[in-house]
Amino acid sequence: MRSYSLIAPGKINLYLEIIGDRPDGYHELAMVLQSISLADKIDIRSIGIETIVVRCDHPLVSTDAGNIAYRAVSLISKQFPEVFARYGGVEITIHKNIPVAAGLAGGSTNAAAVLVGLDLMWELGLTQRELQELGAQLGSDVPFCIGGGTALATGRGEMLSQLPNLDHIYVVLAKYKNLSISTPWAYKTYRQHFGHTYITDTESQENSRHRIHSRPMLSAIAQNGHKEVGKLLHNDLEKVALPEYPQLLKLKEAFASQNVLGTMMSGSGPTMFALTESQSQAEEVKAGVKEKMADPDLEFWIAQFNSSGISITH
């Protein structure tokens, strides 16, 4: 087949702990990542000539070589030059539903969809692990976005251990249209304020990584304990983001005042989310927070937890 359409789900963090610095300049992390049904649609088709074309219906998404979906084609074509020469270039059309610069892995999941789509279209026969290794060269969230579901991510986020699926949890997401938070800023600021708490030697980091598997959050997920998962939500980056952006703290407090399992900022923000056990609860929470905040700049979405990553629509 010379064209594919793929669904590319977004993700939230249920847990984000910064352990220390890595030799490569990144942070050593322990995260629990969760796919959600809020998703982009990616159309990919062969165009015969050796060029890469990216289109997107969102004005803030670049369509040049800086776009991570473009870079995904570039990466895979350099890995398999004979195949690229045989099949020619591609046109990628991104239909955006995931908000841009929201901490929901919108760009990463687009790149993941391109890798999966090209593997199929060019008949490369790559395993999921091989696709994830390619994805890790593009960004820390890309490997997770390929397989999705619920996963423990360590290292800089690229080392994945699949966890049991969390069923029947709904998520209400809220983001200020005109607010974005730079991920490098968030991590740099965290380092400035909390670097003294970092585990620095490799052996201690390795021990810490092993201890992660016995953390309460992982036990709660293993038991599909919705209420416990909600109580155990944790994100170290809130320590720098919420003081800097007081409107996010107000938004979190508004969510906490509703009938929710728990509420937290996703990744480096600025999206805030709350968990509920039903769609009707999610609708009530959305209406309650909307009324409480009364801010036209605040956008809302309702989604469900997703048990998989990239999927094909045809």
Protein backbone atom coordinates (compact mmCIF):
# COMPACT_ATOMS: atom_id res chain seq x y z
CA MET A 1 0.00 0.00 0.00
CA ARG A 2 1.34 3.46 -0.92
CA SER A 3 -0.56 5.40 1.75
CA TYR A 4 -1.60 4.95 5.38
CA SER A 5 -3.68 6.85 7.92
CA LEU A 6 -2.64 6.47 11.53
CA ILE A 7 -4.03 7.52 14.89
CA ALA A 8 -1.40 9.11 17.14
CA PRO A 9 -2.56 9.33 20.79
CA GLY A 10 -1.28 11.93 23.22
CA LYS A 11 0.10 11.08 26.65
CA ILE A 12 0.04 12.32 30.21
CA ASN A 13 2.48 11.68 33.05
CA LEU A 14 1.02 10.01 36.12
CA TYR A 15 4.40 10.23 37.84
CA LEU A 16 7.56 12.25 37.14
CA GLU A 17 10.55 12.10 39.47
CA ILE A 18 13.90 13.73 38.72
CA ILE A 19 16.66 11.55 40.16
CA GLY A 20 19.82 13.32 39.00
CA ASP A 21 22.08 14.37 36.15
CA ARG A 22 23.25 12.00 33.42
CA PRO A 23 26.64 12.09 31.68
CA ASP A 24 24.88 12.99 28.39
CA GLY A 25 23.52 16.23 29.89
CA TYR A 26 19.95 14.97 30.28
CA HIS A 27 18.27 14.18 33.58
CA GLU A 28 17.90 10.68 34.99
CA LEU A 29 14.14 10.26 35.37
CA ALA A 30 11.53 7.88 36.72
CA MET A 31 8.14 8.38 35.06
CA VAL A 32 4.84 6.60 34.63
CA LEU A 33 3.44 7.46 31.19
CA GLN A 34 -0.14 6.94 30.07
CA SER A 35 -1.66 7.11 26.56
CA ILE A 36 -4.95 8.98 26.20
CA SER A 37 -7.64 8.94 23.51
CA LEU A 38 -7.05 12.59 22.57
CA ALA A 39 -5.16 11.94 19.35
CA ASP A 40 -3.86 13.42 16.09
CA LYS A 41 -4.48 11.77 12.73
CA ILE A 42 -1.50 11.35 10.41
CA ASP A 43 -1.87 10.67 6.70
CA ILE A 44 1.27 9.47 4.97
CA ARG A 45 1.58 8.75 1.25
CA SER A 46 4.28 8.07 -1.29
CA ILE A 47 4.89 10.86 -3.83
CA GLY A 48 7.51 9.21 -6.04
CA ILE A 49 10.14 11.96 -6.00
CA GLU A 50 12.91 12.08 -3.39
CA THR A 51 11.50 14.87 -1.27
CA ILE A 52 9.69 15.24 2.07
CA VAL A 53 6.53 17.34 2.30
CA VAL A 54 4.81 18.07 5.62
CA ARG A 55 1.39 19.73 5.87
CA CYS A 56 -0.56 20.62 9.00
CA ASP A 57 -3.91 22.27 9.67
CA HIS A 58 -2.58 24.08 12.79
CA PRO A 59 -0.88 27.46 12.21
CA LEU A 60 1.62 27.03 15.06
CA VAL A 61 3.06 23.76 13.72
CA SER A 62 6.09 24.26 11.48
CA THR A 63 6.18 22.23 8.28
CA ASP A 64 9.88 22.61 7.49
CA ALA A 65 12.89 20.45 8.38
CA GLY A 66 12.53 21.49 12.04
CA ASN A 67 9.27 19.54 12.39
CA ILE A 68 9.87 16.28 14.29
CA ALA A 69 7.69 14.34 11.80
CA TYR A 70 9.91 15.64 8.98
CA ARG A 71 12.98 14.59 10.99
CA ALA A 72 11.48 11.12 11.44
CA VAL A 73 11.35 10.66 7.63
CA SER A 74 14.87 12.06 7.30
CA LEU A 75 16.20 9.68 9.98
CA ILE A 76 14.62 6.53 8.56
CA SER A 77 15.60 7.43 4.97
CA LYS A 78 19.26 7.81 6.08
CA GLN A 79 19.06 4.44 7.86
CA PHE A 80 17.61 2.77 4.74
CA PRO A 81 18.88 4.80 1.75
CA GLU A 82 18.26 2.02 -0.80
CA VAL A 83 14.62 1.76 0.27
CA PHE A 84 14.20 5.56 0.12
CA ALA A 85 15.71 5.55 -3.37
CA ARG A 86 13.31 2.77 -4.44
CA TYR A 87 10.09 4.19 -2.98
CA GLY A 88 10.86 7.92 -3.22
CA GLY A 89 9.68 10.72 -0.98
CA VAL A 90 6.58 11.09 1.16
CA GLU A 91 3.87 13.60 1.94
CA ILE A 92 2.74 13.76 5.55
CA THR A 93 -0.48 15.52 6.57
CA ILE A 94 -0.96 16.17 10.28
CA HIS A 95 -4.54 16.70 11.49
CA LYS A 96 -4.06 18.30 14.92
CA ASN A 97 -6.37 17.53 17.84
CA ILE A 98 -3.73 17.45 20.58
CA PRO A 99 -3.01 21.03 21.70
CA VAL A 100 0.41 22.36 20.66
CA ALA A 101 3.19 22.90 23.24
CA ALA A 102 1.03 21.38 25.96
CA GLY A 103 3.21 18.71 27.59
CA LEU A 104 1.07 15.99 25.96
CA ALA A 105 3.71 14.62 23.51
CA GLY A 106 1.88 15.99 20.45
CA GLY A 107 5.04 16.29 18.36
CA SER A 108 6.52 13.03 19.64
CA THR A 109 3.42 11.01 18.80
CA ASN A 110 3.38 12.47 15.27
CA ALA A 111 6.99 11.31 14.80
CA ALA A 112 6.08 7.89 16.22
CA ALA A 113 3.22 7.59 13.70
CA VAL A 114 5.55 8.48 10.82
CA LEU A 115 8.05 5.78 11.87
CA VAL A 116 5.27 3.16 12.10
CA GLY A 117 3.73 4.32 8.80
CA LEU A 118 7.02 4.23 6.90
CA ASP A 119 7.87 0.81 8.32
CA LEU A 120 4.60 -0.45 6.82
CA MET A 121 4.74 1.52 3.57
CA TRP A 122 8.35 0.66 2.81
CA GLU A 123 7.92 -2.95 4.06
CA LEU A 124 10.93 -2.65 6.37
CA GLY A 125 9.68 -5.33 8.80
CA LEU A 126 11.08 -3.57 11.88
CA THR A 127 10.19 -4.84 15.35
CA GLN A 128 8.61 -2.50 17.89
CA ARG A 129 11.92 -2.43 19.77
CA GLU A 130 13.81 -1.42 16.60
CA LEU A 131 11.27 1.34 15.91
CA GLN A 132 11.63 2.54 19.50
CA GLU A 133 15.44 2.63 19.19
CA LEU A 134 15.05 4.82 16.10
CA GLY A 135 12.49 6.96 17.93
CA ALA A 136 14.87 7.54 20.85
CA GLN A 137 17.15 9.43 18.42
CA LEU A 138 14.32 11.91 17.79
CA GLY A 139 13.09 12.53 21.34
CA SER A 140 12.64 10.93 24.75
CA ASP A 141 8.84 10.49 24.43
CA VAL A 142 8.86 8.97 20.92
CA PRO A 143 9.62 5.35 22.00
CA PHE A 144 6.70 5.38 24.45
CA CYS A 145 4.31 6.89 21.89
CA ILE A 146 4.97 3.98 19.50
CA GLY A 147 3.70 1.30 21.90
CA GLY A 148 1.62 3.43 24.26
CA GLY A 149 -0.57 2.05 27.03
CA THR A 150 0.77 2.41 30.58
CA ALA A 151 4.54 2.23 31.06
CA LEU A 152 7.36 2.95 33.46
CA ALA A 153 10.01 5.09 31.75
CA THR A 154 13.52 5.45 33.15
CA GLY A 155 16.84 6.80 31.86
CA ARG A 156 15.93 10.02 30.06
CA GLY A 157 12.54 8.47 29.34
CA GLU A 158 13.54 6.03 26.59
CA MET A 159 13.94 2.89 28.75
CA LEU A 160 10.45 1.40 28.96
CA SER A 161 8.81 -1.31 31.06
CA GLN A 162 5.20 -2.04 30.15
CA LEU A 163 2.72 -1.92 33.06
CA PRO A 164 -0.79 -3.39 33.36
CA ASN A 165 -3.46 -1.32 31.58
CA LEU A 166 -5.55 1.02 33.70
CA ASP A 167 -9.18 0.55 32.64
CA HIS A 168 -12.16 2.90 32.75
CA ILE A 169 -10.38 6.07 33.81
CA TYR A 170 -11.36 9.37 32.24
CA VAL A 171 -9.21 12.47 32.13
CA VAL A 172 -10.25 16.12 31.97
CA LEU A 173 -7.51 18.30 30.48
CA ALA A 174 -7.26 22.08 30.61
CA LYS A 175 -4.75 24.42 29.00
CA TYR A 176 -4.47 28.18 28.66
CA LYS A 177 -4.37 28.96 24.94
CA ASN A 178 -1.70 31.62 25.26
CA LEU A 179 0.52 29.91 27.82
CA SER A 180 3.43 27.64 26.95
CA ILE A 181 6.29 26.44 29.15
CA SER A 182 9.71 25.66 27.73
CA THR A 183 10.78 22.13 28.67
CA PRO A 184 14.51 23.11 28.78
CA TRP A 185 13.56 26.06 31.06
CA ALA A 186 11.63 23.76 33.42
CA TYR A 187 14.48 21.25 33.80
CA LYS A 188 17.18 23.95 34.00
CA THR A 189 15.25 25.84 36.69
CA TYR A 190 14.64 22.63 38.61
CA ARG A 191 18.39 21.91 38.50
CA GLN A 192 19.16 25.42 39.79
CA HIS A 193 16.77 25.06 42.74
CA PHE A 194 17.05 21.37 43.59
CA GLY A 195 20.37 20.22 42.11
CA HIS A 196 21.72 19.75 45.64
CA THR A 197 19.24 16.84 46.10
CA TYR A 198 20.45 14.97 42.99
CA ILE A 199 21.90 11.48 43.15
CA THR A 200 25.15 11.96 41.25
CA ASP A 201 27.08 8.68 41.15
CA THR A 202 26.08 6.02 38.64
CA GLU A 203 25.86 3.18 41.18
CA SER A 204 23.38 5.10 43.37
CA GLN A 205 21.33 6.03 40.30
CA GLU A 206 21.26 2.34 39.31
CA ASN A 207 20.11 1.37 42.83
CA SER A 208 17.45 4.07 42.69
CA ARG A 209 16.24 2.71 39.34
CA HIS A 210 15.79 -0.76 40.86
CA ARG A 211 13.89 0.66 43.86
CA ILE A 212 11.41 2.36 41.51
CA HIS A 213 9.77 -0.99 40.76
CA SER A 214 8.54 -1.24 44.35
CA ARG A 215 7.10 2.28 44.49
CA PRO A 216 3.48 2.65 45.72
CA MET A 217 2.32 4.04 42.33
CA LEU A 218 3.38 0.85 40.55
CA SER A 219 1.59 -1.27 43.18
CA ALA A 220 -1.58 0.79 42.72
CA ILE A 221 -1.42 0.31 38.93
CA ALA A 222 -0.84 -3.45 39.34
CA GLN A 223 -4.04 -3.62 41.42
CA ASN A 224 -5.96 -1.31 39.02
CA GLY A 225 -6.61 0.85 42.08
CA HIS A 226 -8.08 4.02 40.59
CA LYS A 227 -8.38 5.92 43.87
CA GLU A 228 -4.80 5.09 44.90
CA VAL A 229 -3.44 6.09 41.48
CA GLY A 230 -5.25 9.42 41.84
CA LYS A 231 -3.77 10.02 45.31
CA LEU A 232 -0.24 9.12 44.20
CA LEU A 233 0.03 11.48 41.19
CA HIS A 234 3.41 13.23 41.41
CA ASN A 235 5.37 15.64 39.22
CA ASP A 236 8.63 17.23 40.41
CA LEU A 237 8.37 19.93 37.73
CA GLU A 238 5.33 21.41 39.48
CA LYS A 239 7.82 22.72 42.07
CA VAL A 240 9.16 25.23 39.52
CA ALA A 241 6.16 25.70 37.20
CA LEU A 242 3.43 26.49 39.76
CA PRO A 243 5.33 29.30 41.58
CA GLU A 244 6.28 30.83 38.21
CA TYR A 245 2.76 30.57 36.75
CA PRO A 246 0.24 31.22 39.56
CA GLN A 247 -2.71 30.71 37.17
CA LEU A 248 -1.69 27.04 36.95
CA LEU A 249 -1.83 26.70 40.74
CA LYS A 250 -5.32 28.26 40.71
CA LEU A 251 -6.36 25.83 37.98
CA LYS A 252 -5.04 22.88 39.99
CA GLU A 253 -6.92 24.09 43.07
CA ALA A 254 -10.11 24.44 40.99
CA PHE A 255 -9.76 20.82 39.80
CA ALA A 256 -9.02 19.63 43.37
CA SER A 257 -12.25 21.26 44.60
CA GLN A 258 -14.28 18.98 42.29
CA ASN A 259 -15.15 15.28 42.55
CA VAL A 260 -11.84 13.97 41.13
CA LEU A 261 -9.51 11.05 41.85
CA GLY A 262 -6.53 13.41 41.63
CA THR A 263 -5.12 16.34 39.66
CA MET A 264 -1.66 17.26 38.35
CA MET A 265 0.30 19.07 35.64
CA SER A 266 1.44 16.82 32.77
CA GLY A 267 5.15 16.76 31.96
CA SER A 268 6.68 20.24 31.86
CA GLY A 269 3.19 21.70 31.39
CA PRO A 270 1.26 23.78 31.00
CA THR A 271 -1.66 21.30 30.68
CA MET A 272 -3.35 20.48 33.97
CA PHE A 273 -5.46 17.33 34.19
CA ALA A 274 -7.82 15.58 36.60
CA LEU A 275 -8.85 11.92 36.71
CA THR A 276 -12.40 10.61 37.12
CA GLU A 277 -14.06 7.17 37.02
CA SER A 278 -16.79 8.01 34.50
CA GLN A 279 -17.56 10.26 31.56
CA SER A 280 -20.47 11.87 33.41
CA GLN A 281 -18.13 12.78 36.29
CA ALA A 282 -15.64 14.16 33.79
CA GLU A 283 -18.36 16.35 32.23
CA GLU A 284 -19.36 17.63 35.70
CA VAL A 285 -15.74 18.42 36.59
CA LYS A 286 -15.21 20.26 33.30
CA ALA A 287 -18.39 22.34 33.83
CA GLY A 288 -17.47 23.08 37.46
CA VAL A 289 -13.91 24.23 36.70
CA LYS A 290 -15.04 26.21 33.66
CA GLU A 291 -17.53 28.09 35.80
CA LYS A 292 -15.06 28.60 38.65
CA MET A 293 -12.25 29.91 36.44
CA ALA A 294 -14.45 31.84 33.97
CA ASP A 295 -11.51 32.48 31.62
CA PRO A 296 -12.09 32.53 27.84
CA ASP A 297 -8.40 31.68 27.31
CA LEU A 298 -8.87 28.29 29.03
CA GLU A 299 -9.59 25.29 26.78
CA PHE A 300 -10.86 21.88 27.93
CA TRP A 301 -10.81 18.33 26.58
CA ILE A 302 -12.19 15.04 27.91
CA ALA A 303 -10.42 11.79 27.05
CA GLN A 304 -10.08 8.20 28.22
CA PHE A 305 -7.00 6.20 29.08
CA ASN A 306 -5.79 4.31 26.00
CA SER A 307 -4.27 0.83 26.13
CA SER A 308 -2.20 1.21 22.95
CA GLY A 309 -0.05 3.65 21.03
CA ILE A 310 0.02 4.20 17.25
CA SER A 311 -2.76 2.42 15.35
CA ILE A 312 -3.77 2.23 11.68
CA THR A 313 -7.16 3.42 10.49
CA HIS A 314 -6.77 1.88 7.03
